[in-house]
């Protein structure tokens, strides 16, 4: 490497430090374990699918009936093109906390999955 300085690192054009092959293999094994036993565990995925269903249901409900959203959001969605309405509804749903989304789903639907 040229200069041994921060500027030299910036100008190197390639990584100047990396994990060894052995460390990379250990990290890959750890990531594989975590994905299988933690991130993608059956219980975790059950909650993920339930949350996805809530978001899906809310989005489609608000698309059909924007009057179910608070006034400023309703006003922005009513009379808009389908694409513009979808953007308004998506922004509204995306800004919800988990607790508010579940509360809204309970208000609008007969059954709401538990996120536990």
PDB file of N, CA and C in Angstrom:
ATOM      1  N   UNK A   1       0.856  -1.169   0.000  1.00  0.00           N
ATOM      2  CA  UNK A   1       0.000   0.000   0.000  1.00  0.00           C
ATOM      3  C   UNK A   1       0.896   1.224   0.000  1.00  0.00           C
ATOM      4  N   UNK A   2       0.404   2.273  -0.625  1.00  0.00           N
ATOM      5  CA  UNK A   2       1.161   3.524  -0.688  1.00  0.00           C
ATOM      6  C   UNK A   2       1.320   4.127   0.683  1.00  0.00           C
ATOM      7  N   UNK A   3       0.699   5.247   0.891  1.00  0.00           N
ATOM      8  CA  UNK A   3       0.815   5.950   2.168  1.00  0.00           C
ATOM      9  C   UNK A   3       0.030   5.212   3.251  1.00  0.00           C
ATOM     10  N   UNK A   4       0.593   5.172   4.446  1.00  0.00           N
ATOM     11  CA  UNK A   4      -0.102   4.574   5.588  1.00  0.00           C
ATOM     12  C   UNK A   4      -0.798   5.688   6.356  1.00  0.00           C
ATOM     13  N   UNK A   5      -1.924   6.111   5.796  1.00  0.00           N
ATOM     14  CA  UNK A   5      -2.690   7.196   6.397  1.00  0.00           C
ATOM     15  C   UNK A   5      -4.147   7.006   6.018  1.00  0.00           C
ATOM     16  N   UNK A   6      -4.998   7.798   6.627  1.00  0.00           N
ATOM     17  CA  UNK A   6      -6.414   7.757   6.282  1.00  0.00           C
ATOM     18  C   UNK A   6      -6.600   8.078   4.806  1.00  0.00           C
ATOM     19  N   UNK A   7      -5.876   9.048   4.308  1.00  0.00           N
ATOM     20  CA  UNK A   7      -5.963   9.401   2.892  1.00  0.00           C
ATOM     21  C   UNK A   7      -5.513   8.233   2.026  1.00  0.00           C
ATOM     22  N   UNK A   8      -4.488   7.522   2.452  1.00  0.00           N
ATOM     23  CA  UNK A   8      -4.011   6.356   1.710  1.00  0.00           C
ATOM     24  C   UNK A   8      -5.065   5.257   1.651  1.00  0.00           C
ATOM     25  N   UNK A   9      -5.786   5.061   2.757  1.00  0.00           N
ATOM     26  CA  UNK A   9      -6.875   4.080   2.786  1.00  0.00           C
ATOM     27  C   UNK A   9      -7.968   4.511   1.822  1.00  0.00           C
ATOM     28  N   UNK A  10      -8.335   5.774   1.839  1.00  0.00           N
ATOM     29  CA  UNK A  10      -9.377   6.283   0.948  1.00  0.00           C
ATOM     30  C   UNK A  10      -8.990   6.117  -0.518  1.00  0.00           C
ATOM     31  N   UNK A  11      -7.726   6.274  -0.818  1.00  0.00           N
ATOM     32  CA  UNK A  11      -7.257   6.221  -2.204  1.00  0.00           C
ATOM     33  C   UNK A  11      -6.907   4.808  -2.672  1.00  0.00           C
ATOM     34  N   UNK A  12      -6.953   3.834  -1.777  1.00  0.00           N
ATOM     35  CA  UNK A  12      -6.511   2.474  -2.118  1.00  0.00           C
ATOM     36  C   UNK A  12      -7.338   1.853  -3.236  1.00  0.00           C
ATOM     37  N   UNK A  13      -8.632   2.117  -3.290  1.00  0.00           N
ATOM     38  CA  UNK A  13      -9.456   1.555  -4.355  1.00  0.00           C
ATOM     39  C   UNK A  13      -9.849   0.106  -4.132  1.00  0.00           C
ATOM     40  N   UNK A  14      -9.477  -0.438  -2.998  1.00  0.00           N
ATOM     41  CA  UNK A  14      -9.833  -1.828  -2.642  1.00  0.00           C
ATOM     42  C   UNK A  14      -9.805  -1.937  -1.119  1.00  0.00           C
ATOM     43  N   UNK A  15     -10.443  -2.970  -0.564  1.00  0.00           N
ATOM     44  CA  UNK A  15     -10.397  -3.121   0.891  1.00  0.00           C
ATOM     45  C   UNK A  15      -8.953  -3.294   1.366  1.00  0.00           C
ATOM     46  N   UNK A  16      -8.627  -2.650   2.453  1.00  0.00           N
ATOM     47  CA  UNK A  16      -7.263  -2.762   2.977  1.00  0.00           C
ATOM     48  C   UNK A  16      -7.206  -3.640   4.223  1.00  0.00           C
ATOM     49  N   UNK A  17      -8.371  -4.053   4.700  1.00  0.00           N
ATOM     50  CA  UNK A  17      -8.426  -4.950   5.844  1.00  0.00           C
ATOM     51  C   UNK A  17      -9.633  -5.869   5.649  1.00  0.00           C
ATOM     52  N   UNK A  18      -9.473  -7.124   6.022  1.00  0.00           N
ATOM     53  CA  UNK A  18     -10.552  -8.092   5.870  1.00  0.00           C
ATOM     54  C   UNK A  18     -10.346  -9.222   6.856  1.00  0.00           C
ATOM     55  N   UNK A  19     -11.418  -9.961   7.098  1.00  0.00           N
ATOM     56  CA  UNK A  19     -11.326 -11.126   7.972  1.00  0.00           C
ATOM     57  C   UNK A  19     -10.538 -12.220   7.257  1.00  0.00           C
ATOM     58  N   UNK A  20      -9.851 -13.020   8.040  1.00  0.00           N
ATOM     59  CA  UNK A  20      -9.110 -14.144   7.457  1.00  0.00           C
ATOM     60  C   UNK A  20     -10.105 -15.164   6.903  1.00  0.00           C
ATOM     61  N   UNK A  21      -9.621 -16.070   6.099  1.00  0.00           N
ATOM     62  CA  UNK A  21     -10.479 -17.128   5.561  1.00  0.00           C
ATOM     63  C   UNK A  21     -11.143 -17.930   6.662  1.00  0.00           C
ATOM     64  N   UNK A  22     -10.382 -18.246   7.708  1.00  0.00           N
ATOM     65  CA  UNK A  22     -10.928 -19.005   8.843  1.00  0.00           C
ATOM     66  C   UNK A  22     -12.012 -18.209   9.557  1.00  0.00           C
ATOM     67  N   UNK A  23     -11.758 -16.932   9.795  1.00  0.00           N
ATOM     68  CA  UNK A  23     -12.756 -16.088  10.469  1.00  0.00           C
ATOM     69  C   UNK A  23     -13.995 -15.934   9.591  1.00  0.00           C
ATOM     70  N   UNK A  24     -13.806 -15.742   8.285  1.00  0.00           N
ATOM     71  CA  UNK A  24     -14.932 -15.618   7.350  1.00  0.00           C
ATOM     72  C   UNK A  24     -15.791 -16.878   7.406  1.00  0.00           C
ATOM     73  N   UNK A  25     -15.149 -18.057   7.453  1.00  0.00           N
ATOM     74  CA  UNK A  25     -15.890 -19.326   7.525  1.00  0.00           C
ATOM     75  C   UNK A  25     -16.684 -19.406   8.830  1.00  0.00           C
ATOM     76  N   UNK A  26     -16.082 -18.980   9.927  1.00  0.00           N
ATOM     77  CA  UNK A  26     -16.785 -18.997  11.218  1.00  0.00           C
ATOM     78  C   UNK A  26     -17.962 -18.023  11.212  1.00  0.00           C
ATOM     79  N   UNK A  27     -17.772 -16.847  10.652  1.00  0.00           N
ATOM     80  CA  UNK A  27     -18.864 -15.872  10.557  1.00  0.00           C
ATOM     81  C   UNK A  27     -20.000 -16.396   9.679  1.00  0.00           C
ATOM     82  N   UNK A  28     -19.657 -17.026   8.564  1.00  0.00           N
ATOM     83  CA  UNK A  28     -20.675 -17.589   7.678  1.00  0.00           C
ATOM     84  C   UNK A  28     -21.459 -18.695   8.392  1.00  0.00           C
ATOM     85  N   UNK A  29     -20.761 -19.526   9.163  1.00  0.00           N
ATOM     86  CA  UNK A  29     -21.434 -20.587   9.913  1.00  0.00           C
ATOM     87  C   UNK A  29     -22.372 -19.984  10.970  1.00  0.00           C
ATOM     88  N   UNK A  30     -21.915 -18.944  11.645  1.00  0.00           N
ATOM     89  CA  UNK A  30     -22.749 -18.279  12.650  1.00  0.00           C
ATOM     90  C   UNK A  30     -23.984 -17.664  12.010  1.00  0.00           C
ATOM     91  N   UNK A  31     -23.803 -16.977  10.876  1.00  0.00           N
ATOM     92  CA  UNK A  31     -24.941 -16.384  10.170  1.00  0.00           C
ATOM     93  C   UNK A  31     -25.928 -17.460   9.734  1.00  0.00           C
ATOM     94  N   UNK A  32     -25.425 -18.565   9.232  1.00  0.00           N
ATOM     95  CA  UNK A  32     -26.297 -19.670   8.827  1.00  0.00           C
ATOM     96  C   UNK A  32     -27.104 -20.204   9.994  1.00  0.00           C
ATOM     97  N   UNK A  33     -26.448 -20.363  11.135  1.00  0.00           N
ATOM     98  CA  UNK A  33     -27.139 -20.838  12.330  1.00  0.00           C
ATOM     99  C   UNK A  33     -28.213 -19.842  12.767  1.00  0.00           C
ATOM    100  N   UNK A  34     -27.859 -18.558  12.819  1.00  0.00           N
ATOM    101  CA  UNK A  34     -28.812 -17.541  13.260  1.00  0.00           C
ATOM    102  C   UNK A  34     -30.025 -17.473  12.336  1.00  0.00           C
ATOM    103  N   UNK A  35     -29.803 -17.540  11.030  1.00  0.00           N
ATOM    104  CA  UNK A  35     -30.942 -17.500  10.103  1.00  0.00           C
ATOM    105  C   UNK A  35     -31.856 -18.698  10.327  1.00  0.00           C
ATOM    106  N   UNK A  36     -31.281 -19.884  10.479  1.00  0.00           N
ATOM    107  CA  UNK A  36     -32.096 -21.082  10.614  1.00  0.00           C
ATOM    108  C   UNK A  36     -32.784 -21.167  11.976  1.00  0.00           C
ATOM    109  N   UNK A  37     -32.095 -20.808  13.031  1.00  0.00           N
ATOM    110  CA  UNK A  37     -32.602 -21.043  14.380  1.00  0.00           C
ATOM    111  C   UNK A  37     -33.156 -19.805  15.082  1.00  0.00           C
ATOM    112  N   UNK A  38     -32.922 -18.623  14.526  1.00  0.00           N
ATOM    113  CA  UNK A  38     -33.419 -17.397  15.154  1.00  0.00           C
ATOM    114  C   UNK A  38     -34.273 -16.607  14.174  1.00  0.00           C
ATOM    115  N   UNK A  39     -33.660 -16.033  13.135  1.00  0.00           N
ATOM    116  CA  UNK A  39     -34.363 -15.131  12.229  1.00  0.00           C
ATOM    117  C   UNK A  39     -35.481 -15.817  11.461  1.00  0.00           C
ATOM    118  N   UNK A  40     -35.287 -17.065  11.073  1.00  0.00           N
ATOM    119  CA  UNK A  40     -36.286 -17.793  10.279  1.00  0.00           C
ATOM    120  C   UNK A  40     -36.927 -18.935  11.080  1.00  0.00           C
ATOM    121  N   UNK A  41     -36.818 -18.864  12.395  1.00  0.00           N
ATOM    122  CA  UNK A  41     -37.423 -19.892  13.244  1.00  0.00           C
ATOM    123  C   UNK A  41     -38.936 -19.898  13.029  1.00  0.00           C
ATOM    124  N   UNK A  42     -39.543 -21.060  13.158  1.00  0.00           N
ATOM    125  CA  UNK A  42     -40.981 -21.224  12.919  1.00  0.00           C
ATOM    126  C   UNK A  42     -41.830 -20.233  13.716  1.00  0.00           C
ATOM    127  N   UNK A  43     -41.502 -20.034  14.974  1.00  0.00           N
ATOM    128  CA  UNK A  43     -42.289 -19.092  15.795  1.00  0.00           C
ATOM    129  C   UNK A  43     -42.129 -17.653  15.321  1.00  0.00           C
ATOM    130  N   UNK A  44     -40.927 -17.290  14.916  1.00  0.00           N
ATOM    131  CA  UNK A  44     -40.681 -15.935  14.407  1.00  0.00           C
ATOM    132  C   UNK A  44     -41.436 -15.734  13.097  1.00  0.00           C
ATOM    133  N   UNK A  45     -41.364 -16.716  12.217  1.00  0.00           N
ATOM    134  CA  UNK A  45     -42.022 -16.600  10.919  1.00  0.00           C
ATOM    135  C   UNK A  45     -43.543 -16.551  11.065  1.00  0.00           C
ATOM    136  N   UNK A  46     -44.087 -17.211  12.076  1.00  0.00           N
ATOM    137  CA  UNK A  46     -45.529 -17.149  12.322  1.00  0.00           C
ATOM    138  C   UNK A  46     -45.945 -15.707  12.615  1.00  0.00           C
ATOM    139  N   UNK A  47     -45.177 -15.017  13.429  1.00  0.00           N
ATOM    140  CA  UNK A  47     -45.462 -13.613  13.755  1.00  0.00           C
ATOM    141  C   UNK A  47     -45.254 -12.733  12.525  1.00  0.00           C
ATOM    142  N   UNK A  48     -44.211 -12.991  11.763  1.00  0.00           N
ATOM    143  CA  UNK A  48     -43.948 -12.211  10.546  1.00  0.00           C
ATOM    144  C   UNK A  48     -45.119 -12.334   9.581  1.00  0.00           C
ATOM    145  N   UNK A  49     -45.602 -13.551   9.367  1.00  0.00           N
ATOM    146  CA  UNK A  49     -46.722 -13.750   8.438  1.00  0.00           C
ATOM    147  C   UNK A  49     -47.995 -13.077   8.954  1.00  0.00           C
ATOM    148  N   UNK A  50     -48.228 -13.127  10.261  1.00  0.00           N
ATOM    149  CA  UNK A  50     -49.401 -12.457  10.839  1.00  0.00           C
ATOM    150  C   UNK A  50     -49.295 -10.946  10.642  1.00  0.00           C
ATOM    151  N   UNK A  51     -48.112 -10.382  10.856  1.00  0.00           N
ATOM    152  CA  UNK A  51     -47.911  -8.943  10.668  1.00  0.00           C
ATOM    153  C   UNK A  51     -48.085  -8.561   9.198  1.00  0.00           C
ATOM    154  N   UNK A  52     -47.584  -9.388   8.303  1.00  0.00           N
ATOM    155  CA  UNK A  52     -47.761  -9.126   6.870  1.00  0.00           C
ATOM    156  C   UNK A  52     -49.243  -9.125   6.497  1.00  0.00           C
ATOM    157  N   UNK A  53     -50.007 -10.035   7.096  1.00  0.00           N
ATOM    158  CA  UNK A  53     -51.437 -10.099   6.816  1.00  0.00           C
ATOM    159  C   UNK A  53     -52.143  -8.834   7.298  1.00  0.00           C
ATOM    160  N   UNK A  54     -51.763  -8.349   8.472  1.00  0.00           N
ATOM    161  CA  UNK A  54     -52.354  -7.118   9.000  1.00  0.00           C
ATOM    162  C   UNK A  54     -52.077  -5.954   8.048  1.00  0.00           C
ATOM    163  N   UNK A  55     -50.841  -5.798   7.626  1.00  0.00           N
ATOM    164  CA  UNK A  55     -50.475  -4.703   6.723  1.00  0.00           C
ATOM    165  C   UNK A  55     -51.215  -4.843   5.392  1.00  0.00           C
ATOM    166  N   UNK A  56     -51.255  -6.037   4.858  1.00  0.00           N
ATOM    167  CA  UNK A  56     -51.954  -6.298   3.602  1.00  0.00           C
ATOM    168  C   UNK A  56     -53.434  -5.924   3.724  1.00  0.00           C
ATOM    169  N   UNK A  57     -54.070  -6.412   4.780  1.00  0.00           N
ATOM    170  CA  UNK A  57     -55.494  -6.129   4.981  1.00  0.00           C
ATOM    171  C   UNK A  57     -55.762  -4.637   5.137  1.00  0.00           C
ATOM    172  N   UNK A  58     -54.935  -3.960   5.925  1.00  0.00           N
ATOM    173  CA  UNK A  58     -55.131  -2.523   6.125  1.00  0.00           C
ATOM    174  C   UNK A  58     -54.974  -1.765   4.810  1.00  0.00           C
ATOM    175  N   UNK A  59     -53.939  -2.083   4.062  1.00  0.00           N
ATOM    176  CA  UNK A  59     -53.709  -1.389   2.799  1.00  0.00           C
ATOM    177  C   UNK A  59     -54.920  -1.526   1.881  1.00  0.00           C
ATOM    178  N   UNK A  60     -55.388  -2.746   1.695  1.00  0.00           N
ATOM    179  CA  UNK A  60     -56.511  -2.963   0.780  1.00  0.00           C
ATOM    180  C   UNK A  60     -57.812  -2.369   1.309  1.00  0.00           C
ATOM    181  N   UNK A  61     -57.996  -2.394   2.609  1.00  0.00           N
ATOM    182  CA  UNK A  61     -59.189  -1.780   3.191  1.00  0.00           C
ATOM    183  C   UNK A  61     -59.194  -0.268   2.967  1.00  0.00           C
ATOM    184  N   UNK A  62     -58.071   0.382   3.209  1.00  0.00           N
ATOM    185  CA  UNK A  62     -57.981   1.833   3.014  1.00  0.00           C
ATOM    186  C   UNK A  62     -58.060   2.204   1.529  1.00  0.00           C
ATOM    187  N   UNK A  63     -57.574   1.323   0.662  1.00  0.00           N
ATOM    188  CA  UNK A  63     -57.703   1.589  -0.766  1.00  0.00           C
ATOM    189  C   UNK A  63     -59.173   1.587  -1.179  1.00  0.00           C
ATOM    190  N   UNK A  64     -59.935   0.627  -0.648  1.00  0.00           N
ATOM    191  CA  UNK A  64     -61.360   0.541  -0.971  1.00  0.00           C
ATOM    192  C   UNK A  64     -62.159   1.656  -0.311  1.00  0.00           C
ATOM    193  N   UNK A  65     -61.787   1.976   0.951  1.00  0.00           N
ATOM    194  CA  UNK A  65     -62.560   2.928   1.741  1.00  0.00           C
ATOM    195  C   UNK A  65     -61.620   3.908   2.429  1.00  0.00           C
ATOM    196  N   UNK A  66     -61.129   4.902   1.709  1.00  0.00           N
ATOM    197  CA  UNK A  66     -60.188   5.849   2.317  1.00  0.00           C
ATOM    198  C   UNK A  66     -60.808   6.645   3.462  1.00  0.00           C
ATOM    199  N   UNK A  67     -62.137   6.678   3.524  1.00  0.00           N
ATOM    200  CA  UNK A  67     -62.798   7.394   4.617  1.00  0.00           C
ATOM    201  C   UNK A  67     -62.479   6.787   5.987  1.00  0.00           C
ATOM    202  N   UNK A  68     -61.953   5.574   6.006  1.00  0.00           N
ATOM    203  CA  UNK A  68     -61.569   4.947   7.278  1.00  0.00           C
ATOM    204  C   UNK A  68     -60.255   5.491   7.828  1.00  0.00           C
ATOM    205  N   UNK A  69     -59.561   6.299   7.032  1.00  0.00           N
ATOM    206  CA  UNK A  69     -58.323   6.925   7.507  1.00  0.00           C
ATOM    207  C   UNK A  69     -58.660   8.268   8.142  1.00  0.00           C
ATOM    208  N   UNK A  70     -57.782   8.798   8.985  1.00  0.00           N
ATOM    209  CA  UNK A  70     -57.995  10.131   9.553  1.00  0.00           C
ATOM    210  C   UNK A  70     -58.157  11.183   8.451  1.00  0.00           C
ATOM    211  N   UNK A  71     -58.822  12.279   8.792  1.00  0.00           N
ATOM    212  CA  UNK A  71     -59.210  13.301   7.815  1.00  0.00           C
ATOM    213  C   UNK A  71     -58.108  13.755   6.854  1.00  0.00           C
ATOM    214  N   UNK A  72     -56.929  14.134   7.317  1.00  0.00           N
ATOM    215  CA  UNK A  72     -55.930  14.622   6.346  1.00  0.00           C
ATOM    216  C   UNK A  72     -55.554  13.550   5.316  1.00  0.00           C
ATOM    217  N   UNK A  73     -55.453  12.313   5.748  1.00  0.00           N
ATOM    218  CA  UNK A  73     -55.096  11.210   4.853  1.00  0.00           C
ATOM    219  C   UNK A  73     -56.258  10.896   3.920  1.00  0.00           C
ATOM    220  N   UNK A  74     -57.448  10.911   4.471  1.00  0.00           N
ATOM    221  CA  UNK A  74     -58.650  10.676   3.673  1.00  0.00           C
ATOM    222  C   UNK A  74     -58.763  11.725   2.578  1.00  0.00           C
ATOM    223  N   UNK A  75     -58.569  12.970   2.930  1.00  0.00           N
ATOM    224  CA  UNK A  75     -58.668  14.067   1.967  1.00  0.00           C
ATOM    225  C   UNK A  75     -57.634  13.909   0.853  1.00  0.00           C
ATOM    226  N   UNK A  76     -56.447  13.482   1.211  1.00  0.00           N
ATOM    227  CA  UNK A  76     -55.395  13.301   0.208  1.00  0.00           C
ATOM    228  C   UNK A  76     -55.693  12.125  -0.717  1.00  0.00           C
ATOM    229  N   UNK A  77     -56.376  11.096  -0.203  1.00  0.00           N
ATOM    230  CA  UNK A  77     -56.648   9.894  -0.999  1.00  0.00           C
ATOM    231  C   UNK A  77     -57.893  10.030  -1.863  1.00  0.00           C
ATOM    232  N   UNK A  78     -58.916  10.690  -1.347  1.00  0.00           N
ATOM    233  CA  UNK A  78     -60.173  10.816  -2.089  1.00  0.00           C
ATOM    234  C   UNK A  78     -59.965  11.655  -3.344  1.00  0.00           C
ATOM    235  N   UNK A  79     -60.468  11.162  -4.452  1.00  0.00           N
ATOM    236  CA  UNK A  79     -60.359  11.880  -5.711  1.00  0.00           C
ATOM    237  C   UNK A  79     -59.022  11.723  -6.398  1.00  0.00           C
ATOM    238  N   UNK A  80     -58.094  11.036  -5.768  1.00  0.00           N
ATOM    239  CA  UNK A  80     -56.768  10.835  -6.364  1.00  0.00           C
ATOM    240  C   UNK A  80     -56.821   9.677  -7.360  1.00  0.00           C
ATOM    241  N   UNK A  81     -55.870   9.645  -8.259  1.00  0.00           N
ATOM    242  CA  UNK A  81     -55.747   8.493  -9.155  1.00  0.00           C
ATOM    243  C   UNK A  81     -55.436   7.261  -8.305  1.00  0.00           C
ATOM    244  N   UNK A  82     -55.626   6.091  -8.879  1.00  0.00           N
ATOM    245  CA  UNK A  82     -55.324   4.862  -8.139  1.00  0.00           C
ATOM    246  C   UNK A  82     -53.877   4.839  -7.657  1.00  0.00           C
ATOM    247  N   UNK A  83     -52.987   5.279  -8.508  1.00  0.00           N
ATOM    248  CA  UNK A  83     -51.563   5.283  -8.154  1.00  0.00           C
ATOM    249  C   UNK A  83     -51.285   6.263  -7.007  1.00  0.00           C
ATOM    250  N   UNK A  84     -51.861   7.452  -7.088  1.00  0.00           N
ATOM    251  CA  UNK A  84     -51.662   8.453  -6.031  1.00  0.00           C
ATOM    252  C   UNK A  84     -52.315   7.993  -4.733  1.00  0.00           C
ATOM    253  N   UNK A  85     -53.502   7.396  -4.835  1.00  0.00           N
ATOM    254  CA  UNK A  85     -54.173   6.873  -3.634  1.00  0.00           C
ATOM    255  C   UNK A  85     -53.318   5.788  -2.992  1.00  0.00           C
ATOM    256  N   UNK A  86     -52.767   4.910  -3.810  1.00  0.00           N
ATOM    257  CA  UNK A  86     -51.911   3.841  -3.275  1.00  0.00           C
ATOM    258  C   UNK A  86     -50.713   4.421  -2.538  1.00  0.00           C
ATOM    259  N   UNK A  87     -50.142   5.502  -3.050  1.00  0.00           N
ATOM    260  CA  UNK A  87     -48.996   6.137  -2.386  1.00  0.00           C
ATOM    261  C   UNK A  87     -49.413   6.732  -1.048  1.00  0.00           C
ATOM    262  N   UNK A  88     -50.578   7.374  -1.000  1.00  0.00           N
ATOM    263  CA  UNK A  88     -51.073   7.961   0.255  1.00  0.00           C
ATOM    264  C   UNK A  88     -51.329   6.854   1.279  1.00  0.00           C
ATOM    265  N   UNK A  89     -52.029   5.809   0.841  1.00  0.00           N
ATOM    266  CA  UNK A  89     -52.350   4.705   1.755  1.00  0.00           C
ATOM    267  C   UNK A  89     -51.079   4.019   2.233  1.00  0.00           C
ATOM    268  N   UNK A  90     -50.146   3.786   1.319  1.00  0.00           N
ATOM    269  CA  UNK A  90     -48.880   3.144   1.703  1.00  0.00           C
ATOM    270  C   UNK A  90     -48.132   3.989   2.725  1.00  0.00           C
ATOM    271  N   UNK A  91     -48.097   5.299   2.529  1.00  0.00           N
ATOM    272  CA  UNK A  91     -47.428   6.181   3.489  1.00  0.00           C
ATOM    273  C   UNK A  91     -48.122   6.136   4.841  1.00  0.00           C
ATOM    274  N   UNK A  92     -49.449   6.130   4.832  1.00  0.00           N
ATOM    275  CA  UNK A  92     -50.200   6.085   6.085  1.00  0.00           C
ATOM    276  C   UNK A  92     -49.915   4.784   6.838  1.00  0.00           C
ATOM    277  N   UNK A  93     -50.003   3.662   6.138  1.00  0.00           N
ATOM    278  CA  UNK A  93     -49.768   2.366   6.782  1.00  0.00           C
ATOM    279  C   UNK A  93     -48.315   2.249   7.235  1.00  0.00           C
ATOM    280  N   UNK A  94     -47.387   2.721   6.424  1.00  0.00           N
ATOM    281  CA  UNK A  94     -45.963   2.631   6.774  1.00  0.00           C
ATOM    282  C   UNK A  94     -45.632   3.435   8.029  1.00  0.00           C
ATOM    283  N   UNK A  95     -46.388   4.502   8.268  1.00  0.00           N
ATOM    284  CA  UNK A  95     -46.125   5.338   9.437  1.00  0.00           C
ATOM    285  C   UNK A  95     -46.747   4.823  10.722  1.00  0.00           C
ATOM    286  N   UNK A  96     -47.507   3.747  10.631  1.00  0.00           N
ATOM    287  CA  UNK A  96     -48.172   3.211  11.822  1.00  0.00           C
ATOM    288  C   UNK A  96     -47.180   2.488  12.732  1.00  0.00           C
ATOM    289  N   UNK A  97     -47.398   2.620  14.026  1.00  0.00           N
ATOM    290  CA  UNK A  97     -46.685   1.749  14.956  1.00  0.00           C
ATOM    291  C   UNK A  97     -47.357   0.389  14.907  1.00  0.00           C
ATOM    292  N   UNK A  98     -46.689  -0.614  15.417  1.00  0.00           N
ATOM    293  CA  UNK A  98     -47.290  -1.947  15.471  1.00  0.00           C
ATOM    294  C   UNK A  98     -48.594  -1.907  16.257  1.00  0.00           C
ATOM    295  N   UNK A  99     -48.560  -1.251  17.382  1.00  0.00           N
ATOM    296  CA  UNK A  99     -49.738  -1.184  18.257  1.00  0.00           C
ATOM    297  C   UNK A  99     -50.916  -0.513  17.544  1.00  0.00           C
ATOM    298  N   UNK A 100     -50.653   0.581  16.836  1.00  0.00           N
ATOM    299  CA  UNK A 100     -51.720   1.287  16.130  1.00  0.00           C
ATOM    300  C   UNK A 100     -52.266   0.442  14.980  1.00  0.00           C
ATOM    301  N   UNK A 101     -51.396  -0.255  14.258  1.00  0.00           N
ATOM    302  CA  UNK A 101     -51.841  -1.109  13.157  1.00  0.00           C
ATOM    303  C   UNK A 101     -52.756  -2.217  13.671  1.00  0.00           C
ATOM    304  N   UNK A 102     -52.397  -2.836  14.779  1.00  0.00           N
ATOM    305  CA  UNK A 102     -53.239  -3.887  15.357  1.00  0.00           C
ATOM    306  C   UNK A 102     -54.572  -3.296  15.801  1.00  0.00           C
ATOM    307  N   UNK A 103     -54.532  -2.130  16.434  1.00  0.00           N
ATOM    308  CA  UNK A 103     -55.762  -1.466  16.884  1.00  0.00           C
ATOM    309  C   UNK A 103     -56.675  -1.154  15.691  1.00  0.00           C
ATOM    310  N   UNK A 104     -56.099  -0.621  14.618  1.00  0.00           N
ATOM    311  CA  UNK A 104     -56.880  -0.314  13.422  1.00  0.00           C
ATOM    312  C   UNK A 104     -57.441  -1.586  12.789  1.00  0.00           C
ATOM    313  N   UNK A 105     -56.641  -2.629  12.761  1.00  0.00           N
ATOM    314  CA  UNK A 105     -57.108  -3.893  12.184  1.00  0.00           C
ATOM    315  C   UNK A 105     -58.293  -4.422  13.000  1.00  0.00           C
ATOM    316  N   UNK A 106     -58.197  -4.343  14.309  1.00  0.00           N
ATOM    317  CA  UNK A 106     -59.317  -4.788  15.156  1.00  0.00           C
ATOM    318  C   UNK A 106     -60.574  -3.957  14.896  1.00  0.00           C
ATOM    319  N   UNK A 107     -60.385  -2.669  14.638  1.00  0.00           N
ATOM    320  CA  UNK A 107     -61.518  -1.783  14.376  1.00  0.00           C
ATOM    321  C   UNK A 107     -62.196  -2.129  13.052  1.00  0.00           C
ATOM    322  N   UNK A 108     -61.409  -2.516  12.065  1.00  0.00           N
ATOM    323  CA  UNK A 108     -61.929  -2.701  10.713  1.00  0.00           C
ATOM    324  C   UNK A 108     -62.288  -4.149  10.362  1.00  0.00           C
ATOM    325  N   UNK A 109     -61.760  -5.107  11.091  1.00  0.00           N
ATOM    326  CA  UNK A 109     -61.958  -6.519  10.742  1.00  0.00           C
ATOM    327  C   UNK A 109     -62.487  -7.305  11.935  1.00  0.00           C
ATOM    328  N   UNK A 110     -63.154  -8.403  11.613  1.00  0.00           N
ATOM    329  CA  UNK A 110     -63.729  -9.249  12.664  1.00  0.00           C
ATOM    330  C   UNK A 110     -62.674 -10.008  13.455  1.00  0.00           C
ATOM    331  N   UNK A 111     -61.585 -10.392  12.810  1.00  0.00           N
ATOM    332  CA  UNK A 111     -60.546 -11.165  13.480  1.00  0.00           C
ATOM    333  C   UNK A 111     -59.177 -10.554  13.174  1.00  0.00           C
ATOM    334  N   UNK A 112     -58.361 -10.463  14.212  1.00  0.00           N
ATOM    335  CA  UNK A 112     -57.008  -9.931  14.075  1.00  0.00           C
ATOM    336  C   UNK A 112     -56.043 -10.927  14.701  1.00  0.00           C
ATOM    337  N   UNK A 113     -54.991 -11.322  13.967  1.00  0.00           N
ATOM    338  CA  UNK A 113     -54.042 -12.283  14.532  1.00  0.00           C
ATOM    339  C   UNK A 113     -53.231 -11.673  15.669  1.00  0.00           C
ATOM    340  N   UNK A 114     -52.825 -12.514  16.582  1.00  0.00           N
ATOM    341  CA  UNK A 114     -51.944 -12.098  17.668  1.00  0.00           C
ATOM    342  C   UNK A 114     -50.512 -12.053  17.163  1.00  0.00           C
ATOM    343  N   UNK A 115     -49.791 -11.043  17.539  1.00  0.00           N
ATOM    344  CA  UNK A 115     -48.385 -10.924  17.134  1.00  0.00           C
ATOM    345  C   UNK A 115     -47.480 -11.346  18.283  1.00  0.00           C
ATOM    346  N   UNK A 116     -47.603 -12.571  18.668  1.00  0.00           N
ATOM    347  CA  UNK A 116     -46.779 -13.123  19.760  1.00  0.00           C
ATOM    348  C   UNK A 116     -46.227 -14.447  19.385  1.00  0.00           C
TER     349      UNK A 116
END
